[in-house]
Amino acid sequence: MITHIEGILEEKNPAYVILDVNGIGYFLHISLTTFSDIPEKGKLRLFTHLSIKEDAHTLFGFSTQSERSIYRQLISVSGVGPSTARMILSSLSPDEAAHAIVSGDVNLLKKVKGIGAKTAQRVIIDLKDKVAPSGEVSDFSSAIGNTLRNEALSALIVLGIDKRKAEAVIDKTIDKSGSEISVEELIKVTLKSL
């Protein structure tokens, strides 16, 4: 997995940046929060998340690890995809998003374009115990479980497995075995259960 990219900022736009890393240009989608944090030009390091779908590999860049952390929590919620999570972090800072989740502020989340009452409630219910008010994942074991989950889910989607069915089996398996299971084992268990 690509954890960060460091290079020369070639192009800066409210929705994306292009970083030149030793002659290779990387296109990274960013939030408005990251856009306001980064310089106009020069050397830049962004923390990254690679979203893999059947039809595209999309790289997202974040100015801080806490923004990437809350982003990964958001995309773990059913019905919240990469673009919706980016929209949330373009409308709210990571701290504001975490506070809205922890405090159960449905109205604040509903103000984000594309987020209705049901999605806002689902985000709060799914993440209330996983997100600390600072925007960080609430404990290390949750972070490990979420990383395992995301890596296994990405691999299964690439293999053509239905996302919702895979999520249900993955979540049940992680709850049962915790962070002691490897990504490979998690994928194998899921494939056998489907």
Protein backbone atom coordinates (compact mmCIF):
# COMPACT_ATOMS: atom_id res chain seq x y z
CA MET A 1 0.00 0.00 0.00
CA ILE A 2 1.21 3.54 -0.72
CA THR A 3 1.33 5.38 2.61
CA HIS A 4 2.63 8.76 1.42
CA ILE A 5 4.01 10.53 -1.63
CA GLU A 6 6.63 13.26 -1.55
CA GLY A 7 7.51 15.31 -4.58
CA ILE A 8 7.37 18.69 -6.28
CA LEU A 9 3.94 20.26 -6.53
CA GLU A 10 3.28 20.85 -10.22
CA GLU A 11 -0.40 21.72 -10.18
CA LYS A 12 -2.75 22.67 -7.37
CA ASN A 13 -6.52 22.70 -7.76
CA PRO A 14 -9.27 22.65 -5.09
CA ALA A 15 -10.12 19.07 -6.13
CA TYR A 16 -6.68 17.61 -6.96
CA VAL A 17 -2.93 18.08 -7.07
CA ILE A 18 -0.27 16.73 -9.38
CA LEU A 19 3.01 15.78 -7.72
CA ASP A 20 6.16 15.15 -9.74
CA VAL A 21 8.14 12.34 -8.11
CA ASN A 22 11.40 11.72 -10.01
CA GLY A 23 9.78 12.43 -13.37
CA ILE A 24 6.52 10.59 -12.71
CA GLY A 25 3.41 12.73 -12.23
CA TYR A 26 0.96 11.49 -9.61
CA PHE A 27 -2.63 12.73 -9.72
CA LEU A 28 -4.07 12.85 -6.20
CA HIS A 29 -7.64 13.79 -5.32
CA ILE A 30 -7.76 16.11 -2.31
CA SER A 31 -10.32 17.74 -0.03
CA LEU A 32 -10.68 21.49 0.44
CA THR A 33 -9.17 21.01 3.90
CA THR A 34 -5.96 19.66 2.35
CA PHE A 35 -6.09 22.31 -0.40
CA SER A 36 -6.01 25.08 2.21
CA ASP A 37 -3.17 23.37 4.15
CA ILE A 38 -0.68 22.92 1.32
CA PRO A 39 1.65 25.52 -0.25
CA GLU A 40 1.22 27.00 -3.72
CA LYS A 41 4.41 25.37 -5.00
CA GLY A 42 7.54 23.57 -3.90
CA LYS A 43 8.19 20.27 -2.16
CA LEU A 44 5.15 18.54 -0.71
CA ARG A 45 4.41 15.32 1.18
CA LEU A 46 0.87 13.96 1.26
CA PHE A 47 -0.44 10.95 3.17
CA THR A 48 -2.33 8.73 0.77
CA HIS A 49 -5.17 6.27 0.40
CA LEU A 50 -5.52 4.13 -2.72
CA SER A 51 -9.10 3.29 -3.64
CA ILE A 52 -9.37 0.23 -5.88
CA LYS A 53 -12.54 -0.43 -7.83
CA GLU A 54 -13.29 -2.64 -10.78
CA ASP A 55 -12.97 0.25 -13.22
CA ALA A 56 -10.42 2.56 -11.53
CA HIS A 57 -7.53 2.95 -9.12
CA THR A 58 -7.88 6.36 -7.47
CA LEU A 59 -5.27 7.97 -5.24
CA PHE A 60 -6.39 10.38 -2.51
CA GLY A 61 -3.99 12.74 -0.74
CA PHE A 62 -4.25 14.23 2.75
CA SER A 63 -2.17 16.89 4.46
CA THR A 64 -2.40 15.15 7.86
CA GLN A 65 -2.64 11.61 9.12
CA SER A 66 -5.70 12.53 11.18
CA GLU A 67 -7.57 13.59 8.02
CA ARG A 68 -6.63 10.30 6.34
CA SER A 69 -7.70 8.40 9.45
CA ILE A 70 -11.18 9.96 9.57
CA TYR A 71 -11.47 9.51 5.78
CA ARG A 72 -10.79 5.78 6.13
CA GLN A 73 -13.35 5.55 8.90
CA LEU A 74 -15.94 7.32 6.74
CA ILE A 75 -15.47 5.03 3.73
CA SER A 76 -15.90 1.99 5.99
CA VAL A 77 -19.57 3.02 6.42
CA SER A 78 -21.96 1.36 3.98
CA GLY A 79 -23.26 3.96 1.56
CA VAL A 80 -20.31 6.34 1.98
CA GLY A 81 -17.92 6.06 -0.93
CA PRO A 82 -14.60 7.79 -1.56
CA SER A 83 -16.17 10.86 -3.20
CA THR A 84 -18.75 11.29 -0.44
CA ALA A 85 -16.08 10.99 2.26
CA ARG A 86 -13.99 13.60 0.42
CA MET A 87 -17.05 15.86 0.24
CA ILE A 88 -17.51 15.54 4.02
CA LEU A 89 -13.88 16.49 4.60
CA SER A 90 -14.20 19.38 2.16
CA SER A 91 -17.15 20.75 4.12
CA LEU A 92 -15.88 19.96 7.63
CA SER A 93 -12.40 19.79 9.10
CA PRO A 94 -11.37 16.38 10.48
CA ASP A 95 -11.97 17.67 14.03
CA GLU A 96 -15.42 19.03 13.10
CA ALA A 97 -16.38 15.74 11.40
CA ALA A 98 -15.17 13.71 14.40
CA HIS A 99 -17.01 16.00 16.82
CA ALA A 100 -20.23 15.71 14.77
CA ILE A 101 -19.94 11.91 14.87
CA VAL A 102 -19.11 11.67 18.57
CA SER A 103 -21.82 14.16 19.59
CA GLY A 104 -24.43 12.64 17.24
CA ASP A 105 -24.93 15.90 15.33
CA VAL A 106 -27.06 14.66 12.42
CA ASN A 107 -27.92 18.21 11.32
CA LEU A 108 -24.27 19.20 10.82
CA LEU A 109 -23.59 16.11 8.71
CA LYS A 110 -26.80 16.72 6.69
CA LYS A 111 -25.42 20.12 5.67
CA VAL A 112 -22.81 18.33 3.56
CA LYS A 113 -23.87 18.07 -0.10
CA GLY A 114 -25.04 14.52 -0.86
CA ILE A 115 -25.59 13.48 2.77
CA GLY A 116 -29.18 12.83 3.78
CA ALA A 117 -30.62 12.05 7.19
CA LYS A 118 -30.29 8.27 6.80
CA THR A 119 -26.65 8.42 5.73
CA ALA A 120 -25.81 10.89 8.50
CA GLN A 121 -27.41 8.60 11.08
CA ARG A 122 -25.60 5.56 9.67
CA VAL A 123 -22.24 7.39 9.88
CA ILE A 124 -22.91 8.30 13.51
CA ILE A 125 -24.10 4.82 14.51
CA ASP A 126 -21.22 3.03 12.75
CA LEU A 127 -18.43 5.37 13.87
CA LYS A 128 -19.47 6.80 17.24
CA ASP A 129 -17.40 4.24 19.17
CA LYS A 130 -14.52 4.18 16.67
CA VAL A 131 -13.70 7.88 16.39
CA ALA A 132 -12.22 9.98 19.17
CA PRO A 133 -13.18 13.67 19.33
CA SER A 134 -9.74 14.56 17.92
CA GLY A 135 -10.50 12.66 14.70
CA GLU A 136 -8.12 9.80 15.46
CA VAL A 137 -9.20 6.18 15.53
CA SER A 138 -10.17 5.51 19.14
CA ASP A 139 -7.82 2.60 19.75
CA PHE A 140 -5.01 0.73 18.07
CA SER A 141 -6.91 -2.54 17.70
CA SER A 142 -9.70 -0.71 15.83
CA ALA A 143 -7.09 0.78 13.51
CA ILE A 144 -5.62 -2.66 12.81
CA GLY A 145 -9.08 -4.17 12.29
CA ASN A 146 -10.04 -1.37 9.92
CA THR A 147 -6.82 -1.76 7.91
CA LEU A 148 -7.33 -5.53 7.67
CA ARG A 149 -10.94 -4.95 6.67
CA ASN A 150 -10.12 -2.39 3.98
CA GLU A 151 -7.27 -4.41 2.47
CA ALA A 152 -9.30 -7.62 2.38
CA LEU A 153 -12.36 -5.84 1.01
CA SER A 154 -10.33 -4.14 -1.73
CA ALA A 155 -8.83 -7.47 -2.79
CA LEU A 156 -12.23 -9.20 -2.82
CA ILE A 157 -13.81 -6.43 -4.89
CA VAL A 158 -10.98 -6.76 -7.42
CA LEU A 159 -11.79 -10.49 -7.54
CA GLY A 160 -15.38 -9.58 -8.44
CA ILE A 161 -17.05 -10.35 -5.09
CA ASP A 162 -20.11 -8.30 -4.14
CA LYS A 163 -19.05 -5.58 -1.68
CA ARG A 164 -21.98 -5.90 0.73
CA LYS A 165 -21.72 -9.68 1.03
CA ALA A 166 -17.97 -9.47 1.55
CA GLU A 167 -18.33 -6.73 4.19
CA ALA A 168 -20.75 -8.83 6.24
CA VAL A 169 -18.46 -11.88 6.29
CA ILE A 170 -15.30 -9.79 6.90
CA ASP A 171 -16.87 -7.92 9.82
CA LYS A 172 -18.09 -11.15 11.42
CA THR A 173 -14.66 -12.78 11.00
CA ILE A 174 -12.77 -9.79 12.44
CA ASP A 175 -15.16 -9.63 15.41
CA LYS A 176 -14.53 -13.32 16.08
CA SER A 177 -10.74 -13.43 15.60
CA GLY A 178 -9.72 -9.79 16.16
CA SER A 179 -6.47 -8.44 14.75
CA GLU A 180 -4.72 -11.81 15.03
CA ILE A 181 -5.90 -12.87 11.56
CA SER A 182 -3.82 -11.96 8.51
CA VAL A 183 -5.24 -10.31 5.40
CA GLU A 184 -4.64 -13.51 3.42
CA GLU A 185 -6.49 -15.64 5.98
CA LEU A 186 -9.33 -13.11 6.10
CA ILE A 187 -9.70 -13.24 2.31
CA LYS A 188 -9.64 -17.06 2.31
CA VAL A 189 -12.26 -17.30 5.09
CA THR A 190 -14.48 -14.81 3.25
CA LEU A 191 -14.20 -16.66 -0.06
CA LYS A 192 -15.09 -19.94 1.63
CA SER A 193 -18.10 -18.38 3.38
CA LEU A 194 -19.63 -16.83 0.28
